[in-house]
C-alpha cells in the first residue's frame, strides 16, 4: 500500500525546508531508515531517512523546491503491505546535521527564502496578503523581518512606499552564446546570494580605508610564538586584531549594534561576539568567537583555530555559526590591498583585514622598510556616521601600531 510521508517538524520554529538533493528516484527500492533526501532549513541541513521499506512511488518536490512542514514529501509503496496511517517521522536533528554530519550550508543565521513564482512559499498572515493585494505589492518580493522569515504588514507597507527602482528585481535571462555549464543556484550558494543581496539593498554601505604599520606587532608576535608553541597554540595576527577591535567597539558602541526594524529601535550590544568570515567547503561561513572581550590572546588563538577547523570539516554547529555582533573578514596572505566587504546583516559594520607586506615608508624623513597592512571597514550609514567608522579604525590602528597599549588595556 502507498504510504504518504509528510515532511516532519525538524526543528523548533522551522516551517519549511529547501530540497538540496534527493538520494533516490522514483522506482528505487529503499530500506527502513535509509537516507532518502537532504533538506536545508534556516537552522540546519539534515538528512531525512525513509520511514518505511518499499519502493519510491512519487516525489512531490524536486531539487531546489521549498516543502512546507506537514506537506507530503514523498510516497512510498510498501510492496503489498496493509494500509497504514502516516506517522510522524522521528528525525534526529543535531546542530548541523543528522547522525552523519553534513557540511555547513549556511553562514550567518539566514531567514527562510521566498521564491516569487511560488506564492505558497511566502510566510504571511491572510491579513498581510490582503494588504499586499490592496497595495498592488507582489508579496514574494517583500523582504521579511518577522519571526522565521514571516512577512509582516509593516514589511508590506515599507515596500509599497519605497521608490519603484528599489522594488524592481526583474529576473535576467542569460542567452547562450557558446559552450557553457549551467549549475542550479540552490543550497549554500543560494543562501549566500540572498543574504548578500539583502544586506546591500537594506544597509546603506560606505567604506573607509586606512594603512596600519604592523612592524612592532610583527616583532611582538615573533617573540611570543615560542611561548605559544609550548602551550600548543599556533599564534597568528588575528587574535591581536580581535583584541584591538573589541577595544574599539567599546569606545564606539554604535558599531556593535543592530537595528530592530520591527520596533524601530537601535540595539546597542554590551557583549562582544566577533564573527570571523572564512571560506568553507560549501562557501563563505562566519564562525563566532563568543565573549571575545573576556579571552586572552592565547585563548582567542586557540578558539579561532578550533572554529576554523570545524568550518573546514563541516562539523561546526549552528551556535558556532550565528550570533555575531561584529565581523572581521580576512584572507590572510591572500588579503590583497583593500576591499569593500559587505556587511554581515543585521550587524552595523564589517572590518576587512588585508595582507601584511614589507613596503617602503617615510619615518623621520628617511625611507625605511616597514611591515604595512591596510584595514577597510564597511559601515551601515543608517546607524553610524563616517566619523564613527573613521575614529573606530583609528583606535584599532593605534593599538596595533603600539601593542604595549593593547596589553595595558587588557
Protein backbone atom coordinates (compact mmCIF):
# COMPACT_ATOMS: atom_id res chain seq x y z
CA UNK A 1 0.00 0.00 0.00
CA UNK A 2 1.05 3.57 -0.59
CA UNK A 3 2.46 5.44 2.40
CA UNK A 4 2.40 9.24 2.29
CA UNK A 5 5.42 10.67 4.08
CA UNK A 6 4.78 14.21 5.34
CA UNK A 7 7.75 16.50 5.99
CA UNK A 8 8.16 16.35 9.77
CA UNK A 9 8.85 19.19 12.18
CA UNK A 10 12.66 19.10 12.06
CA UNK A 11 13.41 21.87 14.50
CA UNK A 12 11.84 24.47 16.73
CA UNK A 13 10.27 27.22 14.64
CA UNK A 14 11.06 25.55 11.30
CA UNK A 15 8.11 25.85 8.93
CA UNK A 16 9.62 24.71 5.64
CA UNK A 17 12.75 23.25 4.10
CA UNK A 18 14.60 23.52 0.80
CA UNK A 19 15.23 20.28 -1.06
CA UNK A 20 19.00 20.24 -1.55
CA UNK A 21 19.40 16.79 -3.09
CA UNK A 22 17.37 13.61 -3.48
CA UNK A 23 19.35 10.43 -2.84
CA UNK A 24 16.67 8.28 -4.50
CA UNK A 25 14.44 8.44 -7.57
CA UNK A 26 11.01 7.10 -8.47
CA UNK A 27 11.18 3.32 -8.78
CA UNK A 28 14.09 2.88 -6.36
CA UNK A 29 13.84 0.28 -3.60
CA UNK A 30 14.56 1.72 -0.16
CA UNK A 31 15.19 0.19 3.24
CA UNK A 32 13.89 1.41 6.58
CA UNK A 33 15.99 4.35 7.83
CA UNK A 34 17.87 4.64 4.53
CA UNK A 35 18.71 8.33 3.82
CA UNK A 36 16.46 9.49 1.01
CA UNK A 37 16.78 13.28 0.85
CA UNK A 38 18.93 16.15 2.10
CA UNK A 39 16.97 19.19 3.27
CA UNK A 40 18.14 22.63 4.34
CA UNK A 41 16.16 24.77 6.78
CA UNK A 42 17.00 28.18 8.19
CA UNK A 43 18.58 26.38 11.15
CA UNK A 44 20.43 23.36 9.78
CA UNK A 45 20.93 20.86 7.00
CA UNK A 46 19.59 17.37 7.71
CA UNK A 47 19.35 14.00 6.03
CA UNK A 48 15.84 12.57 6.17
CA UNK A 49 15.68 8.77 6.49
CA UNK A 50 12.97 6.61 4.97
CA UNK A 51 10.21 5.82 7.48
CA UNK A 52 9.27 2.66 5.58
CA UNK A 53 10.82 -0.05 3.44
CA UNK A 54 9.42 -0.21 -0.05
CA UNK A 55 9.53 1.43 -3.47
CA UNK A 56 9.59 5.17 -4.16
CA UNK A 57 6.26 5.74 -5.93
CA UNK A 58 6.14 9.54 -6.15
CA UNK A 59 8.37 12.52 -5.32
CA UNK A 60 6.38 15.72 -4.88
CA UNK A 61 9.19 18.27 -4.63
CA UNK A 62 12.25 18.45 -6.86
CA UNK A 63 15.74 19.74 -6.02
CA UNK A 64 15.61 23.43 -5.17
CA UNK A 65 11.90 23.39 -4.23
CA UNK A 66 10.59 24.51 -0.84
CA UNK A 67 8.49 21.96 1.03
CA UNK A 68 6.34 23.24 3.92
CA UNK A 69 6.30 21.18 7.12
CA UNK A 70 3.33 18.80 7.05
CA UNK A 71 3.10 18.53 3.27
CA UNK A 72 3.51 15.17 1.52
CA UNK A 73 7.17 14.98 0.58
CA UNK A 74 7.27 11.52 -0.96
CA UNK A 75 5.00 8.50 -1.44
CA UNK A 76 6.42 5.04 -0.68
CA UNK A 77 4.79 1.83 -1.95
CA UNK A 78 5.18 -0.69 0.86
CA UNK A 79 5.13 -3.54 -1.64
CA UNK A 80 1.78 -5.07 -0.76
CA UNK A 81 1.84 -4.33 2.96
CA UNK A 82 -1.54 -3.48 4.56
CA UNK A 83 -2.58 0.15 4.54
CA UNK A 84 -1.25 2.21 7.40
CA UNK A 85 -1.82 5.73 8.53
CA UNK A 86 1.09 8.13 8.09
CA UNK A 87 3.05 8.51 11.30
CA UNK A 88 5.32 11.39 12.22
CA UNK A 89 8.88 10.60 11.29
CA UNK A 90 11.49 10.54 14.00
CA UNK A 91 14.27 12.69 12.68
CA UNK A 92 17.36 13.25 14.77
CA UNK A 93 18.28 16.93 14.48
CA UNK A 94 21.65 17.83 15.93
CA UNK A 95 23.01 21.30 15.37
CA UNK A 96 24.25 20.92 11.80
CA UNK A 97 23.07 17.58 10.53
CA UNK A 98 21.87 14.10 11.37
CA UNK A 99 23.80 11.09 12.60
CA UNK A 100 26.07 11.70 9.61
CA UNK A 101 27.44 15.26 9.97
CA UNK A 102 26.94 17.32 6.84
CA UNK A 103 28.99 20.28 5.65
CA UNK A 104 27.53 23.57 6.92
CA UNK A 105 25.40 25.11 4.20
CA UNK A 106 24.74 28.39 5.90
CA UNK A 107 26.83 31.17 7.26
CA UNK A 108 25.29 33.63 9.45
CA UNK A 109 21.65 32.99 10.51
CA UNK A 110 19.56 33.35 7.31
CA UNK A 111 15.84 33.81 7.07
CA UNK A 112 13.64 31.38 5.12
CA UNK A 113 13.69 32.43 1.50
CA UNK A 114 10.75 33.26 -0.72
CA UNK A 115 10.56 32.32 -4.37
CA UNK A 116 8.29 34.76 -6.15
CA UNK A 117 6.96 32.20 -8.58
CA UNK A 118 5.53 30.06 -5.76
CA UNK A 119 3.32 32.15 -3.51
CA UNK A 120 2.74 29.33 -1.04
CA UNK A 121 6.38 29.67 0.00
CA UNK A 122 5.83 33.15 1.39
CA UNK A 123 5.13 33.18 5.12
CA UNK A 124 2.43 35.76 5.83
CA UNK A 125 -0.95 36.02 7.51
CA UNK A 126 -4.13 36.34 5.42
CA UNK A 127 -4.45 39.97 6.55
CA UNK A 128 -0.92 40.73 5.34
CA UNK A 129 -1.61 39.06 2.00
CA UNK A 130 -4.85 41.04 1.65
CA UNK A 131 -2.98 44.30 2.35
CA UNK A 132 -0.39 43.39 -0.28
CA UNK A 133 -3.13 42.80 -2.85
CA UNK A 134 -4.79 46.13 -1.97
CA UNK A 135 -1.48 47.98 -2.35
CA UNK A 136 -0.59 46.17 -5.57
CA UNK A 137 2.55 44.71 -3.96
CA UNK A 138 3.90 41.32 -5.02
CA UNK A 139 4.35 39.76 -1.62
CA UNK A 140 7.07 37.44 -2.85
CA UNK A 141 9.40 40.42 -3.35
CA UNK A 142 8.92 41.90 0.12
CA UNK A 143 11.97 41.48 2.44
CA UNK A 144 10.74 39.68 5.56
CA UNK A 145 11.60 40.89 9.07
CA UNK A 146 9.15 38.78 11.07
CA UNK A 147 9.95 35.66 13.05
CA UNK A 148 11.13 32.69 10.95
CA UNK A 149 11.11 34.77 7.76
CA UNK A 150 7.48 35.87 8.03
CA UNK A 151 6.38 38.92 6.02
CA UNK A 152 4.61 41.40 8.31
CA UNK A 153 2.13 44.17 7.48
CA UNK A 154 4.86 46.71 8.23
CA UNK A 155 7.13 44.97 5.71
CA UNK A 156 4.42 45.34 3.05
CA UNK A 157 3.79 49.00 3.90
CA UNK A 158 7.51 49.79 3.81
CA UNK A 159 7.99 48.02 0.49
CA UNK A 160 4.87 49.57 -1.00
CA UNK A 161 6.06 53.09 -0.17
CA UNK A 162 9.62 52.51 -1.43
CA UNK A 163 10.74 54.03 -4.75
CA UNK A 164 9.91 51.89 -7.76
CA UNK A 165 13.59 51.42 -8.52
CA UNK A 166 14.14 49.73 -5.17
CA UNK A 167 11.29 47.32 -5.86
CA UNK A 168 12.38 46.25 -9.32
CA UNK A 169 14.06 42.87 -9.21
CA UNK A 170 13.08 41.54 -12.63
CA UNK A 171 14.74 38.23 -13.43
CA UNK A 172 17.51 38.50 -16.02
CA UNK A 173 17.86 35.81 -18.65
CA UNK A 174 21.34 34.96 -19.93
CA UNK A 175 21.41 33.95 -23.59
CA UNK A 176 23.57 31.00 -24.61
CA UNK A 177 26.38 32.26 -26.82
CA UNK A 178 28.73 29.30 -26.75
CA UNK A 179 29.87 26.28 -24.77
CA UNK A 180 28.77 26.68 -21.15
CA UNK A 181 27.85 24.85 -17.96
CA UNK A 182 24.67 25.58 -16.00
CA UNK A 183 24.65 24.89 -12.26
CA UNK A 184 21.40 25.19 -10.26
CA UNK A 185 21.55 28.01 -7.72
CA UNK A 186 20.49 26.25 -4.53
CA UNK A 187 21.62 25.30 -1.06
CA UNK A 188 24.55 27.19 0.45
CA UNK A 189 25.32 29.30 -2.63
CA UNK A 190 21.69 30.41 -2.87
CA UNK A 191 21.60 31.39 0.80
CA UNK A 192 24.80 33.41 0.42
CA UNK A 193 23.38 35.17 -2.64
CA UNK A 194 20.17 36.04 -0.84
CA UNK A 195 21.92 37.23 2.34
CA UNK A 196 24.42 39.40 0.49
CA UNK A 197 21.70 40.84 -1.72
CA UNK A 198 19.54 41.67 1.28
CA UNK A 199 22.45 43.34 3.05
CA UNK A 200 23.30 45.51 0.03
CA UNK A 201 19.67 46.51 -0.54
CA UNK A 202 18.97 47.19 3.16
CA UNK A 203 22.10 48.64 4.76
CA UNK A 204 23.42 51.94 3.38
CA UNK A 205 27.08 50.94 2.89
CA UNK A 206 30.06 53.26 3.00
CA UNK A 207 33.72 52.19 3.16
CA UNK A 208 36.74 53.74 4.86
CA UNK A 209 40.34 52.54 4.33
CA UNK A 210 43.44 53.12 6.43
CA UNK A 211 47.07 51.96 6.36
CA UNK A 212 48.48 50.39 9.53
CA UNK A 213 52.16 49.97 10.42
CA UNK A 214 52.35 46.45 11.85
CA UNK A 215 56.12 46.40 12.36
CA UNK A 216 56.02 46.48 16.18
CA UNK A 217 53.31 43.86 16.31
CA UNK A 218 55.28 41.61 13.94
CA UNK A 219 58.14 41.74 16.44
CA UNK A 220 55.86 41.04 19.42
CA UNK A 221 54.23 38.12 17.66
CA UNK A 222 57.60 36.64 16.66
CA UNK A 223 58.74 36.80 20.30
CA UNK A 224 55.51 35.23 21.56
CA UNK A 225 55.40 32.36 19.04
CA UNK A 226 57.79 30.16 21.03
CA UNK A 227 55.81 30.53 24.27
CA UNK A 228 52.58 29.91 22.38
CA UNK A 229 54.03 26.75 20.83
CA UNK A 230 54.88 25.44 24.31
CA UNK A 231 51.16 25.59 25.05
CA UNK A 232 50.21 24.00 21.78
CA UNK A 233 48.97 27.31 20.35
CA UNK A 234 49.58 28.35 16.76
CA UNK A 235 49.81 32.13 17.08
CA UNK A 236 48.95 34.41 14.16
CA UNK A 237 47.89 38.06 13.96
CA UNK A 238 44.13 37.60 14.09
CA UNK A 239 43.85 37.32 17.91
CA UNK A 240 45.64 40.67 18.28
CA UNK A 241 43.29 42.23 15.72
CA UNK A 242 40.26 40.83 17.57
CA UNK A 243 41.51 42.38 20.82
CA UNK A 244 42.02 45.76 19.16
CA UNK A 245 38.57 45.54 17.55
CA UNK A 246 36.85 44.82 20.86
CA UNK A 247 38.60 47.79 22.44
CA UNK A 248 37.44 50.00 19.57
CA UNK A 249 33.86 48.74 19.81
CA UNK A 250 33.73 49.67 23.49
CA UNK A 251 34.62 53.24 22.54
CA UNK A 252 32.29 53.32 19.55
CA UNK A 253 29.27 51.22 20.63
CA UNK A 254 27.19 52.18 17.60
CA UNK A 255 29.33 49.77 15.57
CA UNK A 256 28.41 46.91 17.91
CA UNK A 257 24.70 47.33 17.36
CA UNK A 258 21.74 46.34 15.17
CA UNK A 259 18.53 47.98 14.02
CA UNK A 260 15.36 46.23 15.21
CA UNK A 261 13.17 47.10 12.25
CA UNK A 262 10.01 45.70 13.83
CA UNK A 263 10.23 48.07 16.83
CA UNK A 264 12.32 50.81 15.17
CA UNK A 265 14.91 50.60 17.95
CA UNK A 266 18.70 50.74 17.81
CA UNK A 267 20.03 47.85 19.88
CA UNK A 268 23.47 48.55 21.33
CA UNK A 269 25.02 45.28 22.50
CA UNK A 270 27.18 45.08 25.61
CA UNK A 271 28.53 41.67 24.63
CA UNK A 272 31.21 41.13 22.04
CA UNK A 273 30.72 38.08 19.82
CA UNK A 274 33.20 38.53 16.99
CA UNK A 275 32.49 36.82 13.69
CA UNK A 276 35.41 35.53 11.63
CA UNK A 277 34.49 35.26 7.95
CA UNK A 278 36.33 32.48 6.17
CA UNK A 279 35.93 30.21 3.18
CA UNK A 280 34.43 26.81 3.97
CA UNK A 281 33.90 23.75 1.75
CA UNK A 282 30.45 24.98 0.72
CA UNK A 283 31.23 28.72 0.54
CA UNK A 284 31.65 31.65 2.88
CA UNK A 285 30.95 30.93 6.55
CA UNK A 286 31.16 33.17 9.62
CA UNK A 287 32.28 31.38 12.77
CA UNK A 288 31.68 33.23 16.04
CA UNK A 289 34.14 33.81 18.89
CA UNK A 290 31.81 34.45 21.82
CA UNK A 291 32.72 36.87 24.62
CA UNK A 292 35.93 37.86 22.88
CA UNK A 293 36.44 40.65 25.42
CA UNK A 294 36.93 38.07 28.19
CA UNK A 295 39.54 35.96 26.40
CA UNK A 296 43.35 36.17 26.39
CA UNK A 297 45.41 36.32 23.21
CA UNK A 298 46.31 32.63 23.55
CA UNK A 299 42.68 31.70 24.28
CA UNK A 300 41.49 33.67 21.26
CA UNK A 301 44.09 31.97 19.06
CA UNK A 302 43.01 28.51 20.22
CA UNK A 303 39.31 29.26 19.72
CA UNK A 304 39.79 30.81 16.27
CA UNK A 305 41.79 27.79 15.13
CA UNK A 306 39.21 25.38 16.58
CA UNK A 307 36.33 27.14 14.83
CA UNK A 308 38.27 27.29 11.57
CA UNK A 309 38.84 23.53 11.63
CA UNK A 310 35.16 22.93 12.43
CA UNK A 311 34.14 25.00 9.40
CA UNK A 312 36.58 23.16 7.11
CA UNK A 313 35.44 19.72 8.31
CA UNK A 314 31.75 20.57 8.17
CA UNK A 315 31.23 19.87 11.89
CA UNK A 316 30.51 23.45 13.01
CA UNK A 317 27.26 23.76 14.95
CA UNK A 318 24.59 26.36 14.35
CA UNK A 319 25.57 28.06 17.62
CA UNK A 320 29.13 28.39 16.31
CA UNK A 321 27.95 29.99 13.07
CA UNK A 322 25.37 32.51 14.32
CA UNK A 323 25.00 35.38 16.74
CA UNK A 324 27.99 37.59 15.91
CA UNK A 325 27.80 41.29 16.76
CA UNK A 326 30.67 42.47 14.53
CA UNK A 327 32.53 40.61 11.78
CA UNK A 328 36.16 40.52 10.66
CA UNK A 329 36.87 39.33 7.12
CA UNK A 330 40.43 38.19 6.50
CA UNK A 331 42.07 36.23 3.69
CA UNK A 332 45.46 36.24 5.40
CA UNK A 333 48.32 36.27 2.90
CA UNK A 334 45.79 36.47 0.06
CA UNK A 335 44.17 39.53 1.60
CA UNK A 336 45.04 41.94 -1.20
CA UNK A 337 45.42 45.70 -0.85
CA UNK A 338 41.85 46.69 0.04
CA UNK A 339 38.24 45.63 -0.36
CA UNK A 340 34.71 46.87 0.20
CA UNK A 341 33.29 44.00 2.29
CA UNK A 342 29.52 43.53 2.50
CA UNK A 343 28.10 43.92 5.99
CA UNK A 344 27.05 40.72 7.75
CA UNK A 345 23.43 41.86 8.14
CA UNK A 346 21.93 42.81 10.59
CA UNK A 347 25.26 43.98 12.02
CA UNK A 348 26.34 47.59 11.53
CA UNK A 349 29.89 47.13 10.27
CA UNK A 350 32.47 44.66 8.95
CA UNK A 351 36.25 45.05 9.01
CA UNK A 352 38.37 43.84 6.10
CA UNK A 353 41.91 42.79 7.08
CA UNK A 354 44.47 42.70 4.28
CA UNK A 355 47.90 41.18 3.84
CA UNK A 356 50.92 42.37 5.82
CA UNK A 357 53.63 43.28 3.35
CA UNK A 358 57.06 44.85 3.71
CA UNK A 359 56.91 48.15 1.84
CA UNK A 360 58.86 51.44 1.83
CA UNK A 361 57.65 54.08 4.28
CA UNK A 362 58.89 57.50 5.34
CA UNK A 363 59.90 57.71 9.01
CA UNK A 364 61.70 60.78 10.39
CA UNK A 365 62.45 61.95 6.88
CA UNK A 366 64.03 58.63 5.89
CA UNK A 367 62.72 55.93 3.57
CA UNK A 368 62.71 52.68 5.53
CA UNK A 369 61.21 49.20 5.12
CA UNK A 370 58.14 48.64 7.32
CA UNK A 371 55.53 45.90 7.62
CA UNK A 372 52.38 47.63 6.38
CA UNK A 373 48.78 46.45 6.22
CA UNK A 374 45.51 48.04 5.13
CA UNK A 375 42.23 47.91 7.02
CA UNK A 376 38.94 48.58 5.23
CA UNK A 377 35.67 48.97 7.07
CA UNK A 378 32.16 48.97 5.61
CA UNK A 379 29.54 50.65 7.79
CA UNK A 380 25.76 50.97 7.68
CA UNK A 381 25.26 54.71 7.29
CA UNK A 382 21.72 54.42 8.66
CA UNK A 383 23.09 53.86 12.16
CA UNK A 384 26.65 55.18 12.12
CA UNK A 385 28.29 58.19 10.52
CA UNK A 386 31.61 58.47 8.72
CA UNK A 387 33.13 59.92 11.89
CA UNK A 388 32.22 56.81 13.88
CA UNK A 389 33.73 54.47 11.31
CA UNK A 390 36.90 56.51 10.85
CA UNK A 391 37.52 57.01 14.58
CA UNK A 392 36.94 53.33 15.27
CA UNK A 393 39.56 52.38 12.66
CA UNK A 394 41.97 54.97 14.05
CA UNK A 395 41.63 53.45 17.54
CA UNK A 396 42.23 49.95 16.16
CA UNK A 397 45.23 51.28 14.20
CA UNK A 398 46.68 52.91 17.31
CA UNK A 399 46.53 49.68 19.31
CA UNK A 400 48.02 47.56 16.53
CA UNK A 401 50.86 50.00 15.93
CA UNK A 402 51.74 50.15 19.64
CA UNK A 403 50.91 46.71 21.11
CA UNK A 404 52.01 47.75 24.60
CA UNK A 405 48.91 49.95 24.87
CA UNK A 406 46.79 46.98 23.85
CA UNK A 407 48.23 44.84 26.64
CA UNK A 408 47.69 47.64 29.17
CA UNK A 409 44.00 47.81 28.21
CA UNK A 410 43.72 44.02 28.57
